Amino acid sequence: MAFTVGNQAPDFTLPNAHPSMGASEMNLGDVMGEKGAIVVFSCLHCPYVVGNIGRIEGLAQRAGENGLGFVAINSNAANPDYASDSAQRTTEACEKGVPYPFLIDTVQSVSKAWGAERTPEFYLLDGNGSLVYRGRYDDSPTNPQMATTSDMMDALDQYLAGESVQNSQTDSIGCSVKWIL
């Protein structure tokens, strides 16, 4: 069952495919910044993730500039049918320049606890680890020029301004998490 806006985020400890950015294993406390964190459930193969890479990297930078931690969690690495999302491929992607920690959900327990359904799926946590926003980045993940919304950035702007997030949950647009049975 997914946790909902206002609830405390489930803790985790996962291996980091990018140990030059964080420890070899990281938990939620390691990710949290003074003002909170952004957690993105992601993968490597999904065209919706690939189409969002520049925006995800920009979001990671903005998070860091504003006292928020940032991490991606590969929710598909556990599924052997998706070799392109394996832990090894995730490490290789990090070596090529991913600018944030990229954790491996080795048995998909974190993805399940958080209720992740799609990649990419964005979660904004406040400084106490409570969920402020959950959902998509915008309504056009493969083509930023076609976007008519800016859901994640609106939520971040409102949160950083000390305002209530007006649209705290949106439907993610992306590939389904590739669950193992």
Foldseek 3Di string as FASTA:
>chain_A
DADDFQDFQDKDWFAWLQCVAPHRIDILVRQFFQFEEKEWEAFQPWLLQVLCLVVLQVVCVVCVVLGGGYEYEDLQQQPPVCVCRHSVVVSVVVVVPDPHTYGYPNQNPSCVHNVPWFPTKMFTAGSRRGTQAIAAQFDDSNDPVPTPDRQVVQSVVCVSVVHRRPHRYDHHDIHTRPHDD
